Protein backbone atom coordinates (compact mmCIF):
# COMPACT_ATOMS: atom_id res chain seq x y z
CA MET A 1 9.92 4.69 34.57
CA PRO A 2 8.12 5.79 31.35
CA ARG A 3 6.73 3.21 29.04
CA ALA A 4 5.91 3.62 25.39
CA LYS A 5 2.18 3.88 24.66
CA GLY A 6 0.57 3.50 21.29
CA VAL A 7 -1.70 6.44 21.83
CA ASN A 8 1.31 8.77 22.00
CA SER A 9 3.16 7.19 19.12
CA GLN A 10 3.47 8.63 15.60
CA LEU A 11 4.36 7.46 12.13
CA ALA A 12 6.52 9.92 10.16
CA LEU A 13 6.96 9.76 6.41
CA SER A 14 9.30 11.58 4.02
CA TYR A 15 10.55 10.85 0.49
CA GLU A 16 14.20 10.11 -0.21
CA SER A 17 16.21 12.09 -2.74
CA ALA A 18 18.36 8.96 -3.40
CA TYR A 19 17.71 5.37 -2.43
CA GLY A 20 18.48 4.67 1.24
CA LEU A 21 19.45 8.29 2.01
CA THR A 22 17.60 10.64 4.36
CA PRO A 23 17.30 14.14 2.74
CA ALA A 24 19.39 16.82 4.43
CA SER A 25 16.33 18.92 5.12
CA PRO A 26 13.48 16.43 5.04
CA LEU A 27 9.79 17.34 4.75
CA GLY A 28 8.21 15.06 7.35
CA TYR A 29 4.50 14.23 7.54
CA ASN A 30 2.65 12.91 10.54
CA MET A 31 0.69 10.12 8.86
CA PRO A 32 -2.67 8.82 10.16
CA PHE A 33 -2.51 5.04 10.77
CA ASN A 34 -4.23 2.29 12.65
CA GLN A 35 -1.21 -0.08 13.07
CA SER A 36 2.45 0.04 12.03
CA ARG A 37 4.42 -3.17 12.05
CA LEU A 38 7.64 -2.22 10.34
CA ALA A 39 10.45 -4.39 11.69
CA ILE A 40 14.00 -5.61 11.25
CA ASN A 41 15.17 -9.19 11.14
CA GLN A 42 18.86 -10.09 11.20
CA ASN A 43 19.76 -13.71 11.76
CA LEU A 44 22.52 -14.83 14.10
CA ILE A 45 24.47 -17.51 12.19
CA HIS A 46 25.96 -20.47 14.04
CA SER A 47 29.70 -20.74 14.08
CA ALA A 48 31.03 -24.12 13.22
CA THR A 49 34.70 -23.19 14.03
CA ILE A 50 36.50 -25.69 16.32
CA CYS A 51 38.82 -24.13 18.94
CA SER A 52 39.66 -26.90 21.48
CA ARG A 53 36.62 -26.41 23.72
CA ARG A 54 32.91 -27.09 23.64
CA ASP A 55 31.75 -23.44 24.10
CA GLN A 56 29.96 -21.82 21.19
CA LEU A 57 31.92 -19.08 19.52
CA ARG A 58 30.38 -15.70 18.72
CA PRO A 59 27.87 -16.08 15.95
CA ALA A 60 28.16 -14.35 12.63
CA ILE A 61 25.57 -11.72 11.68
CA GLY A 62 23.27 -12.18 8.66
CA ASN A 63 21.79 -9.66 6.19
CA THR A 64 19.38 -7.08 7.33
CA ASP A 65 15.78 -7.67 6.31
CA ILE A 66 13.42 -4.70 6.65
CA PHE A 67 9.76 -5.52 6.12
CA GLY A 68 6.32 -5.10 7.55
CA SER A 69 2.83 -3.72 7.06
CA ILE A 70 0.98 -0.55 7.91
CA VAL A 71 -2.81 -0.36 8.23
CA VAL A 72 -4.07 3.04 7.22
CA PRO A 73 -7.57 4.66 6.97
CA ILE A 74 -8.67 5.22 3.40
CA ASP A 75 -9.11 8.93 3.73
CA GLN A 76 -9.16 12.01 1.48
CA VAL A 77 -5.72 13.44 2.08
CA GLY A 78 -3.25 11.00 3.67
CA ILE A 79 -3.98 8.20 1.09
CA GLY A 80 -2.43 10.45 -1.63
CA PHE A 81 0.97 10.11 0.01
CA TRP A 82 0.70 6.31 -0.15
CA LEU A 83 -0.52 6.51 -3.80
CA GLN A 84 2.52 8.63 -4.59
CA ALA A 85 4.73 6.03 -2.92
CA MET A 86 3.19 3.47 -5.26
CA PHE A 87 2.90 5.40 -8.48
CA GLY A 88 5.09 8.41 -8.28
CA THR A 89 4.09 12.07 -8.42
CA PRO A 90 0.56 12.44 -9.91
CA THR A 91 -0.73 14.69 -12.63
CA THR A 92 -2.62 17.42 -10.78
CA THR A 93 -5.22 19.83 -12.11
CA GLY A 94 -7.73 22.18 -10.38
CA SER A 95 -7.88 25.32 -8.38
CA GLY A 96 -9.97 27.14 -5.75
CA GLY A 97 -9.82 24.38 -3.20
CA LEU A 98 -10.74 21.39 -5.42
CA TYR A 99 -7.89 19.42 -7.05
CA THR A 100 -7.76 16.29 -9.13
CA HIS A 101 -4.73 14.00 -8.72
CA ILE A 102 -4.24 11.18 -11.22
CA PHE A 103 -1.82 8.35 -10.40
CA LYS A 104 -0.64 5.66 -12.93
CA GLY A 105 1.92 2.92 -12.98
CA THR A 106 5.41 4.18 -13.58
CA LYS A 107 8.81 2.57 -14.26
CA ARG A 108 10.19 3.47 -10.84
CA GLN A 109 8.60 4.02 -7.43
CA PRO A 110 9.85 6.64 -4.95
CA SER A 111 11.62 5.32 -1.87
CA LEU A 112 10.58 6.46 1.59
CA VAL A 113 11.93 7.31 5.02
CA LEU A 114 9.48 5.93 7.60
CA GLU A 115 9.93 6.46 11.32
CA GLN A 116 7.99 4.79 14.14
CA GLN A 117 8.21 7.35 16.91
CA TYR A 118 7.95 6.52 20.65
CA PRO A 119 8.19 9.93 22.36
CA ASP A 120 7.42 8.48 25.83
CA ILE A 121 10.90 6.90 26.00
CA PRO A 122 12.08 8.83 23.79
CA ALA A 123 13.07 6.54 20.91
CA TYR A 124 12.84 7.00 17.19
CA GLU A 125 13.06 3.99 14.92
CA MET A 126 13.87 5.15 11.36
CA PHE A 127 13.66 2.88 8.31
CA ASN A 128 15.39 3.91 5.10
CA GLY A 129 14.99 2.66 1.53
CA CYS A 130 11.35 1.64 1.95
CA LYS A 131 9.06 0.93 -1.04
CA VAL A 132 5.54 -0.27 -1.22
CA SER A 133 5.49 -3.94 -2.23
CA ASN A 134 1.80 -4.57 -1.96
CA PHE A 135 -1.40 -2.54 -1.50
CA ALA A 136 -4.73 -4.16 -0.56
CA PHE A 137 -8.17 -3.28 0.73
CA ALA A 138 -11.56 -4.95 1.08
CA TYR A 139 -14.95 -3.55 1.89
CA GLY A 140 -18.45 -4.78 2.63
CA GLY A 141 -19.99 -5.35 6.05
CA GLU A 142 -19.57 -2.97 8.96
CA ASP A 143 -15.78 -2.70 9.61
CA GLU A 144 -13.81 0.50 9.35
CA LEU A 145 -12.57 1.19 5.80
CA THR A 146 -8.77 0.63 5.85
CA ALA A 147 -6.01 -0.40 3.49
CA ASN A 148 -3.08 -2.65 4.20
CA ILE A 149 0.27 -1.40 2.84
CA TYR A 150 3.16 -3.89 2.79
CA LEU A 151 6.71 -2.52 2.62
CA ILE A 152 10.26 -3.68 2.08
CA GLY A 153 13.25 -1.56 3.08
CA ALA A 154 17.03 -1.28 3.40
CA LYS A 155 18.11 -0.38 6.93
CA ARG A 156 16.99 0.72 10.38
CA THR A 157 18.45 3.32 12.70
CA VAL A 158 17.37 3.92 16.32
CA SER A 159 18.08 7.28 17.90
CA ALA A 160 16.94 9.58 20.66
CA ALA A 161 15.78 12.38 18.27
CA PRO A 162 13.48 12.28 15.19
CA PHE A 163 14.92 12.61 11.69
CA ALA A 164 12.79 15.70 10.97
CA SER A 165 12.68 18.69 13.32
CA SER A 166 8.91 19.12 12.81
CA LEU A 167 6.13 17.18 11.11
CA THR A 168 3.26 18.43 9.03
CA THR A 169 -0.01 17.05 10.49
CA LEU A 170 -2.57 16.13 7.80
CA GLU A 171 -6.26 16.79 7.97
CA LEU A 172 -8.04 13.48 8.61
CA LEU A 173 -11.22 13.14 6.50
CA LYS A 174 -12.09 9.44 6.27
CA PHE A 175 -14.13 7.71 3.64
CA SER A 176 -16.54 5.06 4.86
CA LYS A 177 -17.70 1.81 3.34
CA PHE A 178 -21.15 3.28 2.88
CA GLN A 179 -19.69 5.86 0.51
CA GLY A 180 -18.35 3.12 -1.74
CA SER A 181 -19.69 1.85 -5.05
CA ILE A 182 -18.55 -0.54 -7.80
CA GLU A 183 -19.15 -0.11 -11.50
CA GLU A 184 -18.72 -2.84 -14.09
CA SER A 185 -18.37 -1.66 -17.70
CA GLY A 186 -19.71 1.74 -16.53
CA THR A 187 -22.88 0.37 -14.80
CA GLN A 188 -23.16 0.43 -11.04
CA LEU A 189 -23.48 -3.05 -9.51
CA ALA A 190 -26.24 -3.15 -6.92
CA ILE A 191 -25.82 -6.81 -6.00
CA VAL A 192 -22.26 -6.85 -4.68
CA THR A 193 -21.85 -7.74 -0.95
CA GLU A 194 -18.02 -7.78 -0.71
CA ALA A 195 -15.16 -6.64 -2.85
CA SER A 196 -11.38 -6.60 -2.60
CA LEU A 197 -8.52 -5.15 -4.60
CA ASN A 198 -4.83 -5.99 -4.50
CA ALA A 199 -1.82 -4.47 -6.24
CA ASP A 200 1.48 -6.34 -6.11
CA PHE A 201 4.40 -4.18 -7.34
CA GLY A 202 6.78 -7.10 -7.86
CA LEU A 203 9.77 -5.70 -6.02
CA ASN A 204 13.04 -7.67 -6.07
CA GLY A 205 14.25 -7.77 -2.50
CA ASN A 206 17.27 -9.95 -3.19
CA THR A 207 19.71 -7.08 -3.75
CA TYR A 208 22.43 -7.67 -1.12
CA THR A 209 25.87 -6.91 -2.42
CA ILE A 210 29.49 -7.23 -1.26
CA GLY A 211 30.31 -4.00 0.51
CA GLY A 212 26.65 -3.19 1.14
CA ASN A 213 26.97 -3.80 4.94
CA GLY A 214 24.22 -6.48 4.73
CA CYS A 215 21.55 -4.04 3.57
CA ARG A 216 19.56 -4.01 0.37
CA THR A 217 21.23 -1.63 -2.12
CA ASP A 218 18.07 -1.08 -4.19
CA LEU A 219 14.60 -2.45 -4.71
CA PRO A 220 14.11 -2.87 -8.47
CA GLU A 221 10.53 -2.95 -9.63
CA GLY A 222 9.00 -5.87 -11.51
CA ILE A 223 5.67 -6.45 -13.14
CA LEU A 224 2.72 -4.74 -11.54
CA GLN A 225 -0.02 -7.33 -10.91
CA VAL A 226 -3.53 -6.17 -10.05
CA SER A 227 -6.14 -8.65 -8.92
CA GLY A 228 -9.15 -8.93 -6.57
CA ASN A 229 -12.47 -10.54 -5.93
CA ILE A 230 -16.18 -9.65 -6.07
CA THR A 231 -18.81 -11.46 -4.11
CA ALA A 232 -22.39 -10.88 -5.34
CA PHE A 233 -25.89 -12.20 -5.03
CA PHE A 234 -26.48 -14.70 -7.85
CA ALA A 235 -29.26 -12.63 -9.44
CA ASP A 236 -28.48 -13.16 -13.11
CA THR A 237 -25.95 -14.73 -15.46
CA VAL A 238 -24.34 -11.54 -16.84
CA LEU A 239 -21.12 -11.70 -14.87
CA LEU A 240 -21.08 -15.51 -14.95
CA TYR A 241 -21.09 -15.57 -18.81
CA LYS A 242 -18.46 -12.87 -18.95
CA ALA A 243 -16.26 -15.23 -16.95
CA VAL A 244 -17.27 -18.25 -19.07
CA ASN A 245 -16.49 -16.43 -22.30
CA ASN A 246 -13.36 -14.60 -21.10
CA THR A 247 -15.03 -11.33 -22.02
CA LYS A 248 -12.94 -8.27 -21.36
CA SER A 249 -14.63 -5.88 -18.95
CA SER A 250 -13.78 -2.94 -16.67
CA LEU A 251 -14.20 -2.23 -12.96
CA THR A 252 -14.28 1.00 -10.99
CA PHE A 253 -13.98 1.04 -7.19
CA LYS A 254 -15.10 4.46 -5.96
CA PHE A 255 -15.61 6.26 -2.67
CA THR A 256 -17.41 9.59 -2.72
CA SER A 257 -17.91 12.26 -0.03
CA GLY A 258 -19.55 15.36 -1.44
CA ALA A 259 -17.23 16.86 -4.07
CA HIS A 260 -14.28 14.67 -2.85
CA SER A 261 -13.69 11.19 -4.15
CA LEU A 262 -11.18 8.33 -4.53
CA GLN A 263 -11.46 6.06 -7.56
CA PHE A 264 -9.51 3.03 -8.75
CA PHE A 265 -10.18 2.36 -12.38
CA LEU A 266 -9.26 -1.03 -13.90
CA GLU A 267 -9.92 -0.45 -17.62
CA GLU A 268 -9.20 -4.03 -18.74
CA VAL A 269 -10.32 -6.92 -16.57
CA ILE A 270 -10.98 -10.66 -17.00
CA PHE A 271 -13.09 -12.62 -14.53
CA GLN A 272 -12.01 -16.10 -13.46
CA GLN A 273 -14.56 -18.91 -13.95
CA THR A 274 -16.14 -20.17 -10.81
CA SER A 275 -19.38 -21.92 -9.82
CA PRO A 276 -22.02 -20.43 -7.49
CA GLY A 277 -22.77 -23.67 -5.68
CA ILE A 278 -25.58 -24.26 -3.25
CA GLU A 279 -24.26 -23.94 0.27
CA SER A 280 -27.54 -23.64 2.22
CA ASP A 281 -31.29 -22.87 1.86
CA LYS A 282 -30.47 -19.15 1.99
CA GLY A 283 -29.58 -16.82 -0.89
CA ILE A 284 -26.92 -17.93 -3.31
CA TYR A 285 -23.75 -15.92 -3.84
CA ILE A 286 -21.25 -16.00 -6.71
CA HIS A 287 -17.52 -15.35 -6.16
CA LEU A 288 -15.74 -13.77 -9.09
CA PRO A 289 -11.92 -13.45 -8.80
CA PHE A 290 -10.50 -11.09 -11.44
CA LYS A 291 -7.20 -9.93 -12.88
CA ALA A 292 -6.59 -6.53 -14.37
CA PHE A 293 -4.03 -5.99 -17.19
CA TYR A 294 -2.94 -3.52 -19.85
CA GLU A 295 -3.54 -4.37 -23.49
CA ASN A 296 -4.73 -1.27 -25.34
CA GLY A 297 -6.65 0.74 -22.80
CA SER A 298 -6.77 4.52 -23.29
CA GLY A 299 -5.70 5.14 -19.68
CA GLY A 300 -2.30 3.58 -20.42
CA SER A 301 -2.08 1.64 -17.19
CA ALA A 302 -3.60 -1.54 -15.66
CA ILE A 303 -4.79 0.63 -12.75
CA VAL A 304 -5.47 4.35 -12.63
CA ALA A 305 -6.15 6.00 -9.22
CA THR A 306 -7.91 9.34 -9.21
CA LEU A 307 -8.04 11.38 -5.96
CA VAL A 308 -10.19 14.52 -5.78
CA ASN A 309 -9.72 16.58 -2.64
CA GLY A 310 -8.77 20.00 -1.23
CA TYR A 311 -5.01 19.22 -1.03
CA ALA A 312 -3.20 21.24 -3.69
CA SER A 313 -0.11 19.22 -4.45
CA TYR A 314 1.62 15.88 -3.84
CA ALA A 315 5.27 16.21 -4.77
CA ALA A 316 8.31 14.19 -3.68
CA VAL A 317 11.61 15.74 -2.61
């Protein structure tokens, strides 16, 4: 009897033309990933009906909750599809094998079809109406450079055939932590040991309606909240006093591999006040949580992601 193996499994992605609906002729992409934990939860509700005997009656069925996380490598091509899921179709310029894609916050995020494929069985678990609710990554140390993508969706369907007849396999060109850098107000920080970035898209998941078959009927976007943390050697008081004085600064998280790069630019940032403390006889670190915002920055967004690669176009359905 065959058993499903992770090594043979795939994660397929496509964009929906309307929320919750699979396109008639979907363009499916075979996405690189480390883990995919998309799941369904549907409560069985206790029946309190009395019917002259002690046996429990058939339970009622609750709403369908689609949620989960996907761990993906931060790479030069595939990450663009996730950025598009967060920010919409980018502005793209370039030619001759080198293209610049600029992603900014928009009023509405695209919705996705995501399918966890188990060809050993075969079984294909398709999730409709998925949107990215949270994006986060951290780097420093020796671990593989990955991002965590958290999603909320509308419904799941299990079938014996995939939703797309064929998938486009993407070239996998990973960035590494050693290719990363951080700039503060345009100057590279050489004392940072760890850094993290988090974008919360403020999705409203409480959109169950009468006649909606217990599925979410939409995922309206709320306020985009961008935050993170920097851990650095306590070598001077420059960043400390910026936190003390609530001085507006900027941060750039960048990964570079030759002519290709991925950059997250936070044009307007405030550091949270903290104290270095003395934890041991060793070197002292300072932890600086921060929040990004939009006030009057020229970029027009609290976060601007710029991807430079050899992939010509990211475009939804």
